[in-house]
């Protein structure tokens, strides 16, 4: 007989933020997920979906705002500034729609 080893996936940044939000602001959902044994799975899913959405949205916004490799080559500081701004905007949407909802 073989023992099954199930390795827990890390909950990551967005899963941790969601956990803190649930513990402080939505105790009913937190307790329900905990009792059902689905809390870890919920947090991992939130983290994975948030990371996927962040990556996709950043790529789309970089195209929209024309933050290109050409800009990176010609003005690296401006490219970094714009990428950081885009990432911050995308994270705000993720926080509002996925973490704190």
PDB file of N, CA and C in Angstrom:
ATOM      1  N   UNK A   1       0.839  -1.190   0.000  1.00  0.00           N
ATOM      2  CA  UNK A   1       0.000   0.000   0.000  1.00  0.00           C
ATOM      3  C   UNK A   1       0.881   1.249   0.000  1.00  0.00           C
ATOM      4  N   UNK A   2       0.606   2.148  -0.915  1.00  0.00           N
ATOM      5  CA  UNK A   2       1.376   3.380  -1.033  1.00  0.00           C
ATOM      6  C   UNK A   2       0.639   4.527  -0.373  1.00  0.00           C
ATOM      7  N   UNK A   3       1.406   5.347   0.309  1.00  0.00           N
ATOM      8  CA  UNK A   3       0.821   6.546   0.895  1.00  0.00           C
ATOM      9  C   UNK A   3       0.798   7.648  -0.141  1.00  0.00           C
ATOM     10  N   UNK A   4      -0.328   8.319  -0.222  1.00  0.00           N
ATOM     11  CA  UNK A   4      -0.420   9.449  -1.140  1.00  0.00           C
ATOM     12  C   UNK A   4       0.180  10.672  -0.474  1.00  0.00           C
ATOM     13  N   UNK A   5       1.038  11.340  -1.210  1.00  0.00           N
ATOM     14  CA  UNK A   5       1.601  12.572  -0.679  1.00  0.00           C
ATOM     15  C   UNK A   5       0.984  13.738  -1.435  1.00  0.00           C
ATOM     16  N   UNK A   6       0.290  14.537  -0.702  1.00  0.00           N
ATOM     17  CA  UNK A   6      -0.311  15.718  -1.319  1.00  0.00           C
ATOM     18  C   UNK A   6       0.437  16.930  -0.809  1.00  0.00           C
ATOM     19  N   UNK A   7       1.064  17.583  -1.741  1.00  0.00           N
ATOM     20  CA  UNK A   7       1.842  18.763  -1.395  1.00  0.00           C
ATOM     21  C   UNK A   7       0.948  19.983  -1.521  1.00  0.00           C
ATOM     22  N   UNK A   8       0.844  20.726  -0.451  1.00  0.00           N
ATOM     23  CA  UNK A   8       0.011  21.920  -0.472  1.00  0.00           C
ATOM     24  C   UNK A   8       0.683  23.006  -1.306  1.00  0.00           C
ATOM     25  N   UNK A   9      -0.091  23.588  -2.186  1.00  0.00           N
ATOM     26  CA  UNK A   9       0.439  24.688  -2.992  1.00  0.00           C
ATOM     27  C   UNK A   9       0.482  25.935  -2.130  1.00  0.00           C
ATOM     28  N   UNK A  10       1.469  26.780  -2.365  1.00  0.00           N
ATOM     29  CA  UNK A  10       1.529  28.028  -1.590  1.00  0.00           C
ATOM     30  C   UNK A  10       0.388  28.954  -1.997  1.00  0.00           C
ATOM     31  N   UNK A  11      -0.105  29.729  -1.029  1.00  0.00           N
ATOM     32  CA  UNK A  11      -1.225  30.617  -1.314  1.00  0.00           C
ATOM     33  C   UNK A  11      -0.768  31.923  -1.950  1.00  0.00           C
ATOM     34  N   UNK A  12       0.496  32.252  -1.866  1.00  0.00           N
ATOM     35  CA  UNK A  12       1.057  33.417  -2.545  1.00  0.00           C
ATOM     36  C   UNK A  12       0.571  34.751  -2.008  1.00  0.00           C
ATOM     37  N   UNK A  13       0.966  35.801  -2.695  1.00  0.00           N
ATOM     38  CA  UNK A  13       0.666  37.171  -2.284  1.00  0.00           C
ATOM     39  C   UNK A  13      -0.831  37.437  -2.242  1.00  0.00           C
ATOM     40  N   UNK A  14      -1.523  37.124  -3.336  1.00  0.00           N
ATOM     41  CA  UNK A  14      -2.945  37.453  -3.417  1.00  0.00           C
ATOM     42  C   UNK A  14      -3.784  36.539  -2.543  1.00  0.00           C
ATOM     43  N   UNK A  15      -3.364  35.298  -2.391  1.00  0.00           N
ATOM     44  CA  UNK A  15      -4.049  34.392  -1.472  1.00  0.00           C
ATOM     45  C   UNK A  15      -3.911  34.865  -0.030  1.00  0.00           C
ATOM     46  N   UNK A  16      -2.738  35.369   0.319  1.00  0.00           N
ATOM     47  CA  UNK A  16      -2.517  35.896   1.674  1.00  0.00           C
ATOM     48  C   UNK A  16      -3.373  37.136   1.936  1.00  0.00           C
ATOM     49  N   UNK A  17      -3.439  38.007   0.938  1.00  0.00           N
ATOM     50  CA  UNK A  17      -4.281  39.200   1.083  1.00  0.00           C
ATOM     51  C   UNK A  17      -5.747  38.815   1.235  1.00  0.00           C
ATOM     52  N   UNK A  18      -6.186  37.833   0.455  1.00  0.00           N
ATOM     53  CA  UNK A  18      -7.571  37.361   0.542  1.00  0.00           C
ATOM     54  C   UNK A  18      -7.838  36.754   1.910  1.00  0.00           C
ATOM     55  N   UNK A  19      -6.911  35.982   2.423  1.00  0.00           N
ATOM     56  CA  UNK A  19      -7.062  35.371   3.739  1.00  0.00           C
ATOM     57  C   UNK A  19      -7.233  36.441   4.814  1.00  0.00           C
ATOM     58  N   UNK A  20      -6.386  37.449   4.792  1.00  0.00           N
ATOM     59  CA  UNK A  20      -6.482  38.519   5.784  1.00  0.00           C
ATOM     60  C   UNK A  20      -7.822  39.252   5.670  1.00  0.00           C
ATOM     61  N   UNK A  21      -8.260  39.487   4.442  1.00  0.00           N
ATOM     62  CA  UNK A  21      -9.547  40.144   4.230  1.00  0.00           C
ATOM     63  C   UNK A  21     -10.682  39.297   4.800  1.00  0.00           C
ATOM     64  N   UNK A  22     -10.696  38.004   4.489  1.00  0.00           N
ATOM     65  CA  UNK A  22     -11.763  37.132   4.983  1.00  0.00           C
ATOM     66  C   UNK A  22     -11.774  37.061   6.502  1.00  0.00           C
ATOM     67  N   UNK A  23     -10.598  36.957   7.107  1.00  0.00           N
ATOM     68  CA  UNK A  23     -10.516  36.844   8.562  1.00  0.00           C
ATOM     69  C   UNK A  23     -11.045  38.098   9.252  1.00  0.00           C
ATOM     70  N   UNK A  24     -10.805  39.266   8.655  1.00  0.00           N
ATOM     71  CA  UNK A  24     -11.200  40.526   9.289  1.00  0.00           C
ATOM     72  C   UNK A  24     -12.584  40.997   8.882  1.00  0.00           C
ATOM     73  N   UNK A  25     -12.993  40.750   7.635  1.00  0.00           N
ATOM     74  CA  UNK A  25     -14.183  41.398   7.101  1.00  0.00           C
ATOM     75  C   UNK A  25     -15.306  40.463   6.667  1.00  0.00           C
ATOM     76  N   UNK A  26     -15.035  39.180   6.506  1.00  0.00           N
ATOM     77  CA  UNK A  26     -16.070  38.255   6.061  1.00  0.00           C
ATOM     78  C   UNK A  26     -15.909  36.937   6.811  1.00  0.00           C
ATOM     79  N   UNK A  27     -16.160  36.989   8.106  1.00  0.00           N
ATOM     80  CA  UNK A  27     -15.933  35.829   8.962  1.00  0.00           C
ATOM     81  C   UNK A  27     -16.862  34.669   8.631  1.00  0.00           C
ATOM     82  N   UNK A  28     -18.047  34.974   8.115  1.00  0.00           N
ATOM     83  CA  UNK A  28     -18.982  33.917   7.751  1.00  0.00           C
ATOM     84  C   UNK A  28     -18.402  33.065   6.624  1.00  0.00           C
ATOM     85  N   UNK A  29     -17.931  33.707   5.563  1.00  0.00           N
ATOM     86  CA  UNK A  29     -17.328  32.965   4.453  1.00  0.00           C
ATOM     87  C   UNK A  29     -16.051  32.265   4.897  1.00  0.00           C
ATOM     88  N   UNK A  30     -15.238  32.958   5.688  1.00  0.00           N
ATOM     89  CA  UNK A  30     -14.002  32.353   6.208  1.00  0.00           C
ATOM     90  C   UNK A  30     -14.314  31.071   6.987  1.00  0.00           C
ATOM     91  N   UNK A  31     -15.275  31.136   7.908  1.00  0.00           N
ATOM     92  CA  UNK A  31     -15.635  29.959   8.713  1.00  0.00           C
ATOM     93  C   UNK A  31     -16.237  28.858   7.855  1.00  0.00           C
ATOM     94  N   UNK A  32     -17.072  29.236   6.905  1.00  0.00           N
ATOM     95  CA  UNK A  32     -17.697  28.253   6.022  1.00  0.00           C
ATOM     96  C   UNK A  32     -16.647  27.498   5.211  1.00  0.00           C
ATOM     97  N   UNK A  33     -15.726  28.237   4.597  1.00  0.00           N
ATOM     98  CA  UNK A  33     -14.662  27.595   3.822  1.00  0.00           C
ATOM     99  C   UNK A  33     -13.766  26.734   4.703  1.00  0.00           C
ATOM    100  N   UNK A  34     -13.497  27.210   5.907  1.00  0.00           N
ATOM    101  CA  UNK A  34     -12.650  26.444   6.844  1.00  0.00           C
ATOM    102  C   UNK A  34     -13.320  25.136   7.241  1.00  0.00           C
ATOM    103  N   UNK A  35     -14.581  25.200   7.599  1.00  0.00           N
ATOM    104  CA  UNK A  35     -15.319  24.015   8.037  1.00  0.00           C
ATOM    105  C   UNK A  35     -15.423  22.990   6.920  1.00  0.00           C
ATOM    106  N   UNK A  36     -15.636  23.470   5.697  1.00  0.00           N
ATOM    107  CA  UNK A  36     -15.758  22.567   4.546  1.00  0.00           C
ATOM    108  C   UNK A  36     -14.406  22.052   4.064  1.00  0.00           C
ATOM    109  N   UNK A  37     -13.326  22.594   4.603  1.00  0.00           N
ATOM    110  CA  UNK A  37     -11.997  22.181   4.180  1.00  0.00           C
ATOM    111  C   UNK A  37     -11.615  22.745   2.816  1.00  0.00           C
ATOM    112  N   UNK A  38     -12.231  23.849   2.428  1.00  0.00           N
ATOM    113  CA  UNK A  38     -11.989  24.430   1.108  1.00  0.00           C
ATOM    114  C   UNK A  38     -11.230  25.750   1.157  1.00  0.00           C
ATOM    115  N   UNK A  39     -10.810  26.177   2.320  1.00  0.00           N
ATOM    116  CA  UNK A  39     -10.145  27.470   2.440  1.00  0.00           C
ATOM    117  C   UNK A  39      -8.826  27.504   1.671  1.00  0.00           C
ATOM    118  N   UNK A  40      -7.984  26.521   1.865  1.00  0.00           N
ATOM    119  CA  UNK A  40      -6.685  26.461   1.177  1.00  0.00           C
ATOM    120  C   UNK A  40      -6.887  26.469  -0.329  1.00  0.00           C
ATOM    121  N   UNK A  41      -7.798  25.651  -0.816  1.00  0.00           N
ATOM    122  CA  UNK A  41      -8.078  25.579  -2.247  1.00  0.00           C
ATOM    123  C   UNK A  41      -8.568  26.931  -2.762  1.00  0.00           C
ATOM    124  N   UNK A  42      -9.439  27.584  -2.024  1.00  0.00           N
ATOM    125  CA  UNK A  42      -9.956  28.901  -2.407  1.00  0.00           C
ATOM    126  C   UNK A  42      -8.820  29.915  -2.530  1.00  0.00           C
ATOM    127  N   UNK A  43      -7.932  29.930  -1.554  1.00  0.00           N
ATOM    128  CA  UNK A  43      -6.827  30.887  -1.550  1.00  0.00           C
ATOM    129  C   UNK A  43      -5.845  30.634  -2.692  1.00  0.00           C
ATOM    130  N   UNK A  44      -5.561  29.384  -2.964  1.00  0.00           N
ATOM    131  CA  UNK A  44      -4.662  29.031  -4.069  1.00  0.00           C
ATOM    132  C   UNK A  44      -5.294  29.445  -5.397  1.00  0.00           C
ATOM    133  N   UNK A  45      -6.594  29.191  -5.548  1.00  0.00           N
ATOM    134  CA  UNK A  45      -7.286  29.566  -6.786  1.00  0.00           C
ATOM    135  C   UNK A  45      -7.296  31.082  -6.983  1.00  0.00           C
ATOM    136  N   UNK A  46      -7.554  31.825  -5.918  1.00  0.00           N
ATOM    137  CA  UNK A  46      -7.540  33.291  -5.995  1.00  0.00           C
ATOM    138  C   UNK A  46      -6.161  33.761  -6.442  1.00  0.00           C
ATOM    139  N   UNK A  47      -5.119  33.221  -5.837  1.00  0.00           N
ATOM    140  CA  UNK A  47      -3.756  33.618  -6.177  1.00  0.00           C
ATOM    141  C   UNK A  47      -3.437  33.311  -7.639  1.00  0.00           C
ATOM    142  N   UNK A  48      -3.792  32.123  -8.099  1.00  0.00           N
ATOM    143  CA  UNK A  48      -3.502  31.737  -9.478  1.00  0.00           C
ATOM    144  C   UNK A  48      -4.275  32.606 -10.466  1.00  0.00           C
ATOM    145  N   UNK A  49      -5.568  32.803 -10.208  1.00  0.00           N
ATOM    146  CA  UNK A  49      -6.375  33.633 -11.109  1.00  0.00           C
ATOM    147  C   UNK A  49      -5.892  35.075 -11.119  1.00  0.00           C
ATOM    148  N   UNK A  50      -5.530  35.593  -9.958  1.00  0.00           N
ATOM    149  CA  UNK A  50      -5.046  36.979  -9.876  1.00  0.00           C
ATOM    150  C   UNK A  50      -3.732  37.138 -10.641  1.00  0.00           C
ATOM    151  N   UNK A  51      -2.818  36.200 -10.486  1.00  0.00           N
ATOM    152  CA  UNK A  51      -1.546  36.274 -11.212  1.00  0.00           C
ATOM    153  C   UNK A  51      -1.749  36.171 -12.719  1.00  0.00           C
ATOM    154  N   UNK A  52      -2.636  35.284 -13.146  1.00  0.00           N
ATOM    155  CA  UNK A  52      -2.912  35.151 -14.578  1.00  0.00           C
ATOM    156  C   UNK A  52      -3.522  36.439 -15.124  1.00  0.00           C
ATOM    157  N   UNK A  53      -4.475  36.973 -14.390  1.00  0.00           N
ATOM    158  CA  UNK A  53      -5.134  38.200 -14.842  1.00  0.00           C
ATOM    159  C   UNK A  53      -4.156  39.370 -14.858  1.00  0.00           C
ATOM    160  N   UNK A  54      -3.308  39.458 -13.841  1.00  0.00           N
ATOM    161  CA  UNK A  54      -2.323  40.525 -13.786  1.00  0.00           C
ATOM    162  C   UNK A  54      -1.404  40.475 -15.005  1.00  0.00           C
ATOM    163  N   UNK A  55      -0.889  39.309 -15.304  1.00  0.00           N
ATOM    164  CA  UNK A  55       0.020  39.146 -16.437  1.00  0.00           C
ATOM    165  C   UNK A  55      -0.673  39.535 -17.750  1.00  0.00           C
ATOM    166  N   UNK A  56      -1.878  39.043 -17.937  1.00  0.00           N
ATOM    167  CA  UNK A  56      -2.627  39.327 -19.168  1.00  0.00           C
ATOM    168  C   UNK A  56      -2.956  40.813 -19.291  1.00  0.00           C
ATOM    169  N   UNK A  57      -3.411  41.411 -18.210  1.00  0.00           N
ATOM    170  CA  UNK A  57      -3.809  42.812 -18.237  1.00  0.00           C
ATOM    171  C   UNK A  57      -2.615  43.732 -18.432  1.00  0.00           C
ATOM    172  N   UNK A  58      -1.493  43.423 -17.795  1.00  0.00           N
ATOM    173  CA  UNK A  58      -0.280  44.232 -17.984  1.00  0.00           C
ATOM    174  C   UNK A  58       0.129  44.208 -19.454  1.00  0.00           C
ATOM    175  N   UNK A  59       0.117  43.023 -20.048  1.00  0.00           N
ATOM    176  CA  UNK A  59       0.496  42.897 -21.456  1.00  0.00           C
ATOM    177  C   UNK A  59      -0.439  43.730 -22.340  1.00  0.00           C
ATOM    178  N   UNK A  60      -1.743  43.657 -22.077  1.00  0.00           N
ATOM    179  CA  UNK A  60      -2.709  44.423 -22.869  1.00  0.00           C
ATOM    180  C   UNK A  60      -2.511  45.927 -22.697  1.00  0.00           C
ATOM    181  N   UNK A  61      -2.294  46.351 -21.470  1.00  0.00           N
ATOM    182  CA  UNK A  61      -2.132  47.784 -21.224  1.00  0.00           C
ATOM    183  C   UNK A  61      -0.812  48.309 -21.798  1.00  0.00           C
ATOM    184  N   UNK A  62       0.220  47.486 -21.786  1.00  0.00           N
ATOM    185  CA  UNK A  62       1.488  47.907 -22.390  1.00  0.00           C
ATOM    186  C   UNK A  62       1.304  48.138 -23.883  1.00  0.00           C
ATOM    187  N   UNK A  63       0.504  47.294 -24.521  1.00  0.00           N
ATOM    188  CA  UNK A  63       0.214  47.490 -25.938  1.00  0.00           C
ATOM    189  C   UNK A  63      -0.619  48.753 -26.147  1.00  0.00           C
ATOM    190  N   UNK A  64      -1.619  48.953 -25.298  1.00  0.00           N
ATOM    191  CA  UNK A  64      -2.495  50.122 -25.420  1.00  0.00           C
ATOM    192  C   UNK A  64      -1.720  51.419 -25.255  1.00  0.00           C
ATOM    193  N   UNK A  65      -0.839  51.469 -24.256  1.00  0.00           N
ATOM    194  CA  UNK A  65      -0.072  52.680 -23.977  1.00  0.00           C
ATOM    195  C   UNK A  65       1.256  52.737 -24.738  1.00  0.00           C
ATOM    196  N   UNK A  66       1.454  51.783 -25.628  1.00  0.00           N
ATOM    197  CA  UNK A  66       2.649  51.719 -26.470  1.00  0.00           C
ATOM    198  C   UNK A  66       3.954  51.741 -25.664  1.00  0.00           C
ATOM    199  N   UNK A  67       3.975  50.927 -24.634  1.00  0.00           N
ATOM    200  CA  UNK A  67       5.189  50.737 -23.839  1.00  0.00           C
ATOM    201  C   UNK A  67       5.907  49.546 -24.482  1.00  0.00           C
ATOM    202  N   UNK A  68       6.838  49.856 -25.361  1.00  0.00           N
ATOM    203  CA  UNK A  68       7.450  48.854 -26.224  1.00  0.00           C
ATOM    204  C   UNK A  68       8.919  48.615 -25.870  1.00  0.00           C
ATOM    205  N   UNK A  69       9.467  47.615 -26.524  1.00  0.00           N
ATOM    206  CA  UNK A  69      10.896  47.340 -26.390  1.00  0.00           C
ATOM    207  C   UNK A  69      11.717  48.507 -26.947  1.00  0.00           C
ATOM    208  N   UNK A  70      11.177  49.175 -27.927  1.00  0.00           N
ATOM    209  CA  UNK A  70      11.855  50.344 -28.499  1.00  0.00           C
ATOM    210  C   UNK A  70      12.004  51.437 -27.437  1.00  0.00           C
ATOM    211  N   UNK A  71      10.942  51.668 -26.682  1.00  0.00           N
ATOM    212  CA  UNK A  71      11.015  52.643 -25.586  1.00  0.00           C
ATOM    213  C   UNK A  71      12.035  52.187 -24.546  1.00  0.00           C
ATOM    214  N   UNK A  72      12.041  50.909 -24.267  1.00  0.00           N
ATOM    215  CA  UNK A  72      12.991  50.354 -23.290  1.00  0.00           C
ATOM    216  C   UNK A  72      14.430  50.595 -23.726  1.00  0.00           C
ATOM    217  N   UNK A  73      14.692  50.427 -24.996  1.00  0.00           N
ATOM    218  CA  UNK A  73      16.047  50.638 -25.518  1.00  0.00           C
ATOM    219  C   UNK A  73      16.440  52.110 -25.502  1.00  0.00           C
ATOM    220  N   UNK A  74      15.488  52.980 -25.818  1.00  0.00           N
ATOM    221  CA  UNK A  74      15.793  54.408 -25.957  1.00  0.00           C
ATOM    222  C   UNK A  74      15.706  55.192 -24.649  1.00  0.00           C
ATOM    223  N   UNK A  75      14.823  54.789 -23.763  1.00  0.00           N
ATOM    224  CA  UNK A  75      14.629  55.528 -22.507  1.00  0.00           C
ATOM    225  C   UNK A  75      14.201  54.546 -21.422  1.00  0.00           C
ATOM    226  N   UNK A  76      15.177  53.886 -20.861  1.00  0.00           N
ATOM    227  CA  UNK A  76      14.912  52.813 -19.915  1.00  0.00           C
ATOM    228  C   UNK A  76      14.164  53.286 -18.662  1.00  0.00           C
ATOM    229  N   UNK A  77      14.511  54.444 -18.147  1.00  0.00           N
ATOM    230  CA  UNK A  77      13.847  54.956 -16.939  1.00  0.00           C
ATOM    231  C   UNK A  77      12.372  55.250 -17.195  1.00  0.00           C
ATOM    232  N   UNK A  78      12.060  55.800 -18.338  1.00  0.00           N
ATOM    233  CA  UNK A  78      10.669  56.072 -18.697  1.00  0.00           C
ATOM    234  C   UNK A  78       9.896  54.767 -18.857  1.00  0.00           C
ATOM    235  N   UNK A  79      10.540  53.770 -19.460  1.00  0.00           N
ATOM    236  CA  UNK A  79       9.915  52.463 -19.620  1.00  0.00           C
ATOM    237  C   UNK A  79       9.593  51.851 -18.259  1.00  0.00           C
ATOM    238  N   UNK A  80      10.544  51.895 -17.332  1.00  0.00           N
ATOM    239  CA  UNK A  80      10.331  51.360 -15.989  1.00  0.00           C
ATOM    240  C   UNK A  80       9.201  52.109 -15.288  1.00  0.00           C
ATOM    241  N   UNK A  81       9.182  53.426 -15.402  1.00  0.00           N
ATOM    242  CA  UNK A  81       8.133  54.228 -14.781  1.00  0.00           C
ATOM    243  C   UNK A  81       6.754  53.829 -15.309  1.00  0.00           C
ATOM    244  N   UNK A  82       6.657  53.691 -16.616  1.00  0.00           N
ATOM    245  CA  UNK A  82       5.369  53.352 -17.205  1.00  0.00           C
ATOM    246  C   UNK A  82       4.929  51.932 -16.852  1.00  0.00           C
ATOM    247  N   UNK A  83       5.861  50.996 -16.851  1.00  0.00           N
ATOM    248  CA  UNK A  83       5.523  49.615 -16.482  1.00  0.00           C
ATOM    249  C   UNK A  83       5.072  49.556 -15.022  1.00  0.00           C
ATOM    250  N   UNK A  84       5.753  50.271 -14.137  1.00  0.00           N
ATOM    251  CA  UNK A  84       5.350  50.294 -12.728  1.00  0.00           C
ATOM    252  C   UNK A  84       3.964  50.902 -12.556  1.00  0.00           C
ATOM    253  N   UNK A  85       3.671  51.968 -13.291  1.00  0.00           N
ATOM    254  CA  UNK A  85       2.341  52.578 -13.226  1.00  0.00           C
ATOM    255  C   UNK A  85       1.266  51.627 -13.729  1.00  0.00           C
ATOM    256  N   UNK A  86       1.548  50.953 -14.827  1.00  0.00           N
ATOM    257  CA  UNK A  86       0.594  49.986 -15.374  1.00  0.00           C
ATOM    258  C   UNK A  86       0.349  48.858 -14.383  1.00  0.00           C
ATOM    259  N   UNK A  87       1.416  48.345 -13.785  1.00  0.00           N
ATOM    260  CA  UNK A  87       1.266  47.258 -12.811  1.00  0.00           C
ATOM    261  C   UNK A  87       0.434  47.718 -11.618  1.00  0.00           C
ATOM    262  N   UNK A  88       0.667  48.918 -11.140  1.00  0.00           N
ATOM    263  CA  UNK A  88      -0.094  49.441 -10.006  1.00  0.00           C
ATOM    264  C   UNK A  88      -1.579  49.566 -10.358  1.00  0.00           C
ATOM    265  N   UNK A  89      -1.883  50.049 -11.560  1.00  0.00           N
ATOM    266  CA  UNK A  89      -3.282  50.166 -11.988  1.00  0.00           C
ATOM    267  C   UNK A  89      -3.943  48.791 -12.073  1.00  0.00           C
ATOM    268  N   UNK A  90      -3.229  47.829 -12.622  1.00  0.00           N
ATOM    269  CA  UNK A  90      -3.777  46.481 -12.758  1.00  0.00           C
ATOM    270  C   UNK A  90      -4.009  45.837 -11.398  1.00  0.00           C
ATOM    271  N   UNK A  91      -3.079  46.041 -10.475  1.00  0.00           N
ATOM    272  CA  UNK A  91      -3.244  45.473  -9.138  1.00  0.00           C
ATOM    273  C   UNK A  91      -4.430  46.087  -8.412  1.00  0.00           C
ATOM    274  N   UNK A  92      -4.686  47.371  -8.603  1.00  0.00           N
ATOM    275  CA  UNK A  92      -5.852  48.001  -7.979  1.00  0.00           C
ATOM    276  C   UNK A  92      -7.144  47.329  -8.437  1.00  0.00           C
ATOM    277  N   UNK A  93      -7.212  47.015  -9.713  1.00  0.00           N
ATOM    278  CA  UNK A  93      -8.402  46.332 -10.241  1.00  0.00           C
ATOM    279  C   UNK A  93      -8.521  44.943  -9.616  1.00  0.00           C
ATOM    280  N   UNK A  94      -7.422  44.230  -9.532  1.00  0.00           N
ATOM    281  CA  UNK A  94      -7.431  42.886  -8.940  1.00  0.00           C
ATOM    282  C   UNK A  94      -7.853  42.955  -7.479  1.00  0.00           C
ATOM    283  N   UNK A  95      -7.332  43.916  -6.728  1.00  0.00           N
ATOM    284  CA  UNK A  95      -7.723  44.050  -5.331  1.00  0.00           C
ATOM    285  C   UNK A  95      -9.218  44.279  -5.219  1.00  0.00           C
ATOM    286  N   UNK A  96      -9.724  45.184  -6.035  1.00  0.00           N
ATOM    287  CA  UNK A  96     -11.144  45.561  -5.965  1.00  0.00           C
ATOM    288  C   UNK A  96     -12.056  44.410  -6.379  1.00  0.00           C
ATOM    289  N   UNK A  97     -11.703  43.702  -7.442  1.00  0.00           N
ATOM    290  CA  UNK A  97     -12.593  42.701  -8.000  1.00  0.00           C
ATOM    291  C   UNK A  97     -12.395  41.285  -7.460  1.00  0.00           C
ATOM    292  N   UNK A  98     -11.191  40.960  -7.003  1.00  0.00           N
ATOM    293  CA  UNK A  98     -10.931  39.576  -6.612  1.00  0.00           C
ATOM    294  C   UNK A  98     -10.570  39.402  -5.142  1.00  0.00           C
ATOM    295  N   UNK A  99      -9.879  40.332  -4.583  1.00  0.00           N
ATOM    296  CA  UNK A  99      -9.382  40.163  -3.215  1.00  0.00           C
ATOM    297  C   UNK A  99     -10.388  40.674  -2.190  1.00  0.00           C
ATOM    298  N   UNK A 100     -10.832  41.897  -2.389  1.00  0.00           N
ATOM    299  CA  UNK A 100     -11.694  42.551  -1.402  1.00  0.00           C
ATOM    300  C   UNK A 100     -13.155  42.544  -1.819  1.00  0.00           C
ATOM    301  N   UNK A 101     -13.560  41.517  -2.530  1.00  0.00           N
ATOM    302  CA  UNK A 101     -14.960  41.414  -2.965  1.00  0.00           C
ATOM    303  C   UNK A 101     -15.672  40.306  -2.203  1.00  0.00           C
TER     304      UNK A 101
END
